[in-house]
Amino acid sequence: EKFREKISTVIFKHGYPLSFVKHEGVVELHCFLNFSAKEISRNTTKSDILKLYRKEKENLKCYSQSIPRKFCLTSDLWTSITHGIFTAHYITKSWKIQKKKC
């Protein structure tokens, strides 16, 4: 279960294809860590990534409610349509600059 979660996080963060779970090295590592476990399917990985996305989305909603109402949002988009990041910058009541990558 933890291995599946970690693999899904790696795929999500780095934009790897779902077929990453079928790569020989990943399968060997999974068997080494838990020889009685079944291989992870792409559909299972897809489901795990969607759960991770929903969890991160909720975390971001909660976080955004705790920051001041004024902030600066910066985007960094790569040439690939699937890659990009947003960074929110804001100043706290104690005048400390903070940032959160989304």
N, C-alpha and C. Protein backbone atom coordinates (compact mmCIF):
# COMPACT_ATOMS: atom_id res chain seq x y z
N GLU A 1 0.83 -1.21 0.00
CA GLU A 1 0.00 0.00 0.00
C GLU A 1 0.87 1.26 0.00
N LYS A 2 1.86 1.31 0.88
CA LYS A 2 2.75 2.47 0.94
C LYS A 2 3.57 2.60 -0.34
N PHE A 3 4.00 1.46 -0.87
CA PHE A 3 4.78 1.48 -2.11
C PHE A 3 3.95 2.06 -3.25
N ARG A 4 2.69 1.62 -3.34
CA ARG A 4 1.78 2.15 -4.36
C ARG A 4 1.63 3.66 -4.23
N GLU A 5 1.48 4.11 -3.01
CA GLU A 5 1.33 5.55 -2.75
C GLU A 5 2.57 6.32 -3.19
N LYS A 6 3.74 5.77 -2.86
CA LYS A 6 5.00 6.44 -3.23
C LYS A 6 5.20 6.45 -4.74
N ILE A 7 4.91 5.34 -5.39
CA ILE A 7 5.05 5.27 -6.85
C ILE A 7 4.10 6.27 -7.51
N SER A 8 2.86 6.35 -7.03
CA SER A 8 1.89 7.30 -7.58
C SER A 8 2.37 8.73 -7.40
N THR A 9 2.96 9.02 -6.25
CA THR A 9 3.49 10.36 -5.99
C THR A 9 4.62 10.69 -6.96
N VAL A 10 5.50 9.74 -7.20
CA VAL A 10 6.61 9.95 -8.14
C VAL A 10 6.07 10.22 -9.55
N ILE A 11 5.12 9.42 -9.99
CA ILE A 11 4.53 9.60 -11.32
C ILE A 11 3.85 10.96 -11.42
N PHE A 12 3.11 11.33 -10.38
CA PHE A 12 2.37 12.60 -10.34
C PHE A 12 3.33 13.79 -10.37
N LYS A 13 4.35 13.75 -9.53
CA LYS A 13 5.28 14.89 -9.42
C LYS A 13 6.14 15.08 -10.66
N HIS A 14 6.55 13.98 -11.28
CA HIS A 14 7.50 14.06 -12.38
C HIS A 14 6.87 13.89 -13.76
N GLY A 15 5.57 13.64 -13.79
CA GLY A 15 4.89 13.52 -15.08
C GLY A 15 5.25 12.27 -15.86
N TYR A 16 5.61 11.20 -15.16
CA TYR A 16 5.94 9.96 -15.84
C TYR A 16 4.66 9.31 -16.39
N PRO A 17 4.78 8.49 -17.42
CA PRO A 17 3.60 7.79 -17.94
C PRO A 17 3.14 6.71 -16.96
N LEU A 18 1.88 6.33 -17.05
CA LEU A 18 1.35 5.28 -16.17
C LEU A 18 2.07 3.96 -16.39
N SER A 19 2.64 3.77 -17.56
CA SER A 19 3.37 2.53 -17.85
C SER A 19 4.64 2.42 -17.00
N PHE A 20 4.99 3.48 -16.29
CA PHE A 20 6.16 3.46 -15.40
C PHE A 20 6.10 2.28 -14.43
N VAL A 21 4.88 1.93 -13.98
CA VAL A 21 4.74 0.83 -13.01
C VAL A 21 5.09 -0.52 -13.62
N LYS A 22 5.14 -0.59 -14.95
CA LYS A 22 5.48 -1.85 -15.63
C LYS A 22 6.95 -1.92 -16.03
N HIS A 23 7.71 -0.86 -15.77
CA HIS A 23 9.14 -0.89 -16.08
C HIS A 23 9.81 -1.98 -15.27
N GLU A 24 10.74 -2.66 -15.89
CA GLU A 24 11.40 -3.82 -15.27
C GLU A 24 11.98 -3.49 -13.90
N GLY A 25 12.67 -2.37 -13.78
CA GLY A 25 13.29 -1.99 -12.51
C GLY A 25 12.28 -1.74 -11.41
N VAL A 26 11.15 -1.14 -11.76
CA VAL A 26 10.11 -0.86 -10.77
C VAL A 26 9.48 -2.16 -10.30
N VAL A 27 9.21 -3.06 -11.24
CA VAL A 27 8.63 -4.37 -10.88
C VAL A 27 9.60 -5.14 -9.99
N GLU A 28 10.89 -5.13 -10.33
CA GLU A 28 11.90 -5.82 -9.51
C GLU A 28 11.97 -5.23 -8.11
N LEU A 29 11.94 -3.91 -8.01
CA LEU A 29 11.97 -3.24 -6.71
C LEU A 29 10.75 -3.61 -5.88
N HIS A 30 9.59 -3.63 -6.52
CA HIS A 30 8.35 -3.98 -5.82
C HIS A 30 8.42 -5.41 -5.29
N CYS A 31 8.89 -6.33 -6.11
CA CYS A 31 9.03 -7.73 -5.68
C CYS A 31 10.07 -7.87 -4.57
N PHE A 32 11.14 -7.10 -4.65
CA PHE A 32 12.18 -7.15 -3.62
C PHE A 32 11.64 -6.67 -2.28
N LEU A 33 10.86 -5.60 -2.30
CA LEU A 33 10.32 -5.05 -1.06
C LEU A 33 9.21 -5.91 -0.47
N ASN A 34 8.44 -6.56 -1.35
CA ASN A 34 7.34 -7.39 -0.88
C ASN A 34 7.09 -8.48 -1.91
N PHE A 35 7.76 -9.61 -1.75
CA PHE A 35 7.70 -10.66 -2.76
C PHE A 35 6.32 -11.31 -2.89
N SER A 36 5.45 -11.14 -1.90
CA SER A 36 4.12 -11.75 -1.97
C SER A 36 3.08 -10.82 -2.60
N ALA A 37 3.47 -9.60 -2.92
CA ALA A 37 2.52 -8.62 -3.47
C ALA A 37 2.32 -8.83 -4.96
N LYS A 38 1.13 -8.45 -5.43
CA LYS A 38 0.83 -8.51 -6.85
C LYS A 38 1.44 -7.29 -7.54
N GLU A 39 1.67 -7.43 -8.84
CA GLU A 39 2.14 -6.28 -9.62
C GLU A 39 1.07 -5.20 -9.60
N ILE A 40 1.52 -3.97 -9.72
CA ILE A 40 0.60 -2.83 -9.75
C ILE A 40 0.17 -2.59 -11.19
N SER A 41 -1.13 -2.48 -11.40
CA SER A 41 -1.63 -2.23 -12.76
C SER A 41 -1.69 -0.74 -13.05
N ARG A 42 -1.78 -0.41 -14.32
CA ARG A 42 -1.90 1.00 -14.71
C ARG A 42 -3.22 1.59 -14.21
N ASN A 43 -4.29 0.79 -14.24
CA ASN A 43 -5.59 1.29 -13.77
C ASN A 43 -5.55 1.59 -12.28
N THR A 44 -4.89 0.73 -11.51
CA THR A 44 -4.75 0.97 -10.07
C THR A 44 -3.94 2.24 -9.84
N THR A 45 -2.87 2.40 -10.60
CA THR A 45 -2.03 3.59 -10.48
C THR A 45 -2.82 4.84 -10.83
N LYS A 46 -3.61 4.76 -11.90
CA LYS A 46 -4.44 5.90 -12.30
C LYS A 46 -5.40 6.28 -11.17
N SER A 47 -6.03 5.29 -10.57
CA SER A 47 -6.94 5.52 -9.45
C SER A 47 -6.21 6.15 -8.26
N ASP A 48 -5.02 5.65 -7.97
CA ASP A 48 -4.22 6.20 -6.86
C ASP A 48 -3.82 7.65 -7.12
N ILE A 49 -3.48 7.96 -8.37
CA ILE A 49 -3.09 9.32 -8.72
C ILE A 49 -4.28 10.27 -8.61
N LEU A 50 -5.45 9.81 -9.02
CA LEU A 50 -6.65 10.65 -8.88
C LEU A 50 -6.96 10.92 -7.41
N LYS A 51 -6.78 9.92 -6.56
CA LYS A 51 -6.97 10.13 -5.11
C LYS A 51 -5.97 11.14 -4.58
N LEU A 52 -4.72 11.01 -5.02
CA LEU A 52 -3.67 11.94 -4.61
C LEU A 52 -4.00 13.36 -5.07
N TYR A 53 -4.48 13.49 -6.30
CA TYR A 53 -4.86 14.80 -6.84
C TYR A 53 -5.97 15.42 -6.00
N ARG A 54 -6.99 14.63 -5.70
CA ARG A 54 -8.11 15.16 -4.90
C ARG A 54 -7.66 15.58 -3.50
N LYS A 55 -6.78 14.79 -2.92
CA LYS A 55 -6.25 15.11 -1.59
C LYS A 55 -5.45 16.42 -1.64
N GLU A 56 -4.58 16.56 -2.63
CA GLU A 56 -3.78 17.77 -2.77
C GLU A 56 -4.66 18.99 -3.06
N LYS A 57 -5.71 18.78 -3.83
CA LYS A 57 -6.64 19.86 -4.14
C LYS A 57 -7.32 20.35 -2.86
N GLU A 58 -7.76 19.43 -2.01
CA GLU A 58 -8.38 19.80 -0.73
C GLU A 58 -7.38 20.50 0.18
N ASN A 59 -6.15 19.99 0.23
CA ASN A 59 -5.11 20.63 1.04
C ASN A 59 -4.88 22.06 0.59
N LEU A 60 -4.86 22.26 -0.72
CA LEU A 60 -4.65 23.59 -1.28
C LEU A 60 -5.82 24.52 -0.95
N LYS A 61 -7.03 24.00 -0.99
CA LYS A 61 -8.21 24.80 -0.62
C LYS A 61 -8.10 25.25 0.84
N CYS A 62 -7.77 24.31 1.72
CA CYS A 62 -7.63 24.64 3.14
C CYS A 62 -6.51 25.66 3.35
N TYR A 63 -5.42 25.45 2.66
CA TYR A 63 -4.27 26.35 2.79
C TYR A 63 -4.63 27.75 2.29
N SER A 64 -5.34 27.82 1.18
CA SER A 64 -5.67 29.13 0.59
C SER A 64 -6.61 29.92 1.49
N GLN A 65 -7.38 29.24 2.32
CA GLN A 65 -8.27 29.94 3.25
C GLN A 65 -7.51 30.53 4.43
N SER A 66 -6.30 30.06 4.66
CA SER A 66 -5.53 30.53 5.81
C SER A 66 -4.59 31.69 5.47
N ILE A 67 -4.45 32.02 4.19
CA ILE A 67 -3.54 33.10 3.81
C ILE A 67 -4.33 34.40 3.63
N PRO A 68 -3.62 35.53 3.66
CA PRO A 68 -4.29 36.81 3.43
C PRO A 68 -4.98 36.83 2.07
N ARG A 69 -5.94 37.69 1.93
CA ARG A 69 -6.73 37.73 0.69
C ARG A 69 -5.96 38.27 -0.50
N LYS A 70 -4.88 38.97 -0.27
CA LYS A 70 -4.10 39.50 -1.40
C LYS A 70 -2.83 38.69 -1.56
N PHE A 71 -2.63 38.20 -2.77
CA PHE A 71 -1.43 37.43 -3.06
C PHE A 71 -1.09 37.58 -4.54
N CYS A 72 0.11 37.22 -4.87
CA CYS A 72 0.58 37.26 -6.25
C CYS A 72 0.74 35.83 -6.74
N LEU A 73 0.17 35.54 -7.87
CA LEU A 73 0.24 34.19 -8.43
C LEU A 73 1.14 34.22 -9.66
N THR A 74 2.18 33.40 -9.63
CA THR A 74 3.13 33.32 -10.73
C THR A 74 3.01 31.94 -11.38
N SER A 75 3.02 31.91 -12.70
CA SER A 75 2.95 30.61 -13.39
C SER A 75 4.26 30.35 -14.12
N ASP A 76 4.61 29.10 -14.18
CA ASP A 76 5.79 28.66 -14.93
C ASP A 76 5.34 27.47 -15.76
N LEU A 77 5.15 27.69 -17.05
CA LEU A 77 4.66 26.63 -17.93
C LEU A 77 5.78 26.20 -18.88
N TRP A 78 5.92 24.90 -19.03
CA TRP A 78 6.94 24.35 -19.91
C TRP A 78 6.35 24.15 -21.30
N THR A 79 7.19 23.73 -22.21
CA THR A 79 6.72 23.53 -23.58
C THR A 79 5.73 22.38 -23.68
N SER A 80 5.83 21.41 -22.79
CA SER A 80 4.87 20.31 -22.78
C SER A 80 3.57 20.81 -22.17
N ILE A 81 2.47 20.47 -22.78
CA ILE A 81 1.17 20.94 -22.31
C ILE A 81 0.82 20.38 -20.92
N THR A 82 1.47 19.29 -20.53
CA THR A 82 1.11 18.65 -19.27
C THR A 82 1.94 19.12 -18.08
N HIS A 83 2.89 20.01 -18.30
CA HIS A 83 3.76 20.43 -17.20
C HIS A 83 3.64 21.92 -16.92
N GLY A 84 3.50 22.25 -15.67
CA GLY A 84 3.45 23.64 -15.26
C GLY A 84 3.34 23.71 -13.75
N ILE A 85 3.59 24.88 -13.21
CA ILE A 85 3.49 25.07 -11.77
C ILE A 85 3.06 26.50 -11.48
N PHE A 86 2.30 26.67 -10.44
CA PHE A 86 1.91 27.99 -9.96
C PHE A 86 2.54 28.20 -8.60
N THR A 87 2.97 29.42 -8.34
CA THR A 87 3.51 29.76 -7.03
C THR A 87 2.76 30.98 -6.52
N ALA A 88 2.21 30.86 -5.32
CA ALA A 88 1.51 31.98 -4.68
C ALA A 88 2.48 32.64 -3.70
N HIS A 89 2.67 33.95 -3.83
CA HIS A 89 3.50 34.73 -2.91
C HIS A 89 2.58 35.66 -2.13
N TYR A 90 2.81 35.79 -0.84
CA TYR A 90 2.01 36.70 -0.02
C TYR A 90 2.82 37.13 1.19
N ILE A 91 2.35 38.17 1.84
CA ILE A 91 3.02 38.70 3.03
C ILE A 91 2.11 38.46 4.23
N THR A 92 2.68 37.90 5.29
CA THR A 92 1.91 37.62 6.50
C THR A 92 1.69 38.91 7.29
N LYS A 93 0.87 38.82 8.33
CA LYS A 93 0.61 39.99 9.19
C LYS A 93 1.88 40.48 9.87
N SER A 94 2.84 39.58 10.06
CA SER A 94 4.11 39.97 10.68
C SER A 94 5.15 40.37 9.63
N TRP A 95 4.71 40.65 8.42
CA TRP A 95 5.53 41.14 7.32
C TRP A 95 6.63 40.17 6.88
N LYS A 96 6.31 38.90 6.87
CA LYS A 96 7.24 37.90 6.34
C LYS A 96 6.68 37.40 5.01
N ILE A 97 7.55 37.38 4.01
CA ILE A 97 7.11 36.90 2.70
C ILE A 97 7.06 35.37 2.72
N GLN A 98 5.99 34.84 2.18
CA GLN A 98 5.79 33.40 2.13
C GLN A 98 5.49 33.00 0.70
N LYS A 99 5.75 31.74 0.39
CA LYS A 99 5.38 31.23 -0.94
C LYS A 99 4.89 29.80 -0.82
N LYS A 100 4.00 29.44 -1.72
CA LYS A 100 3.45 28.09 -1.75
C LYS A 100 3.34 27.68 -3.21
N LYS A 101 3.98 26.55 -3.54
CA LYS A 101 3.90 26.03 -4.90
C LYS A 101 2.67 25.16 -5.03
N CYS A 102 1.97 25.34 -6.12
CA CYS A 102 0.73 24.60 -6.35
C CYS A 102 0.86 23.75 -7.59
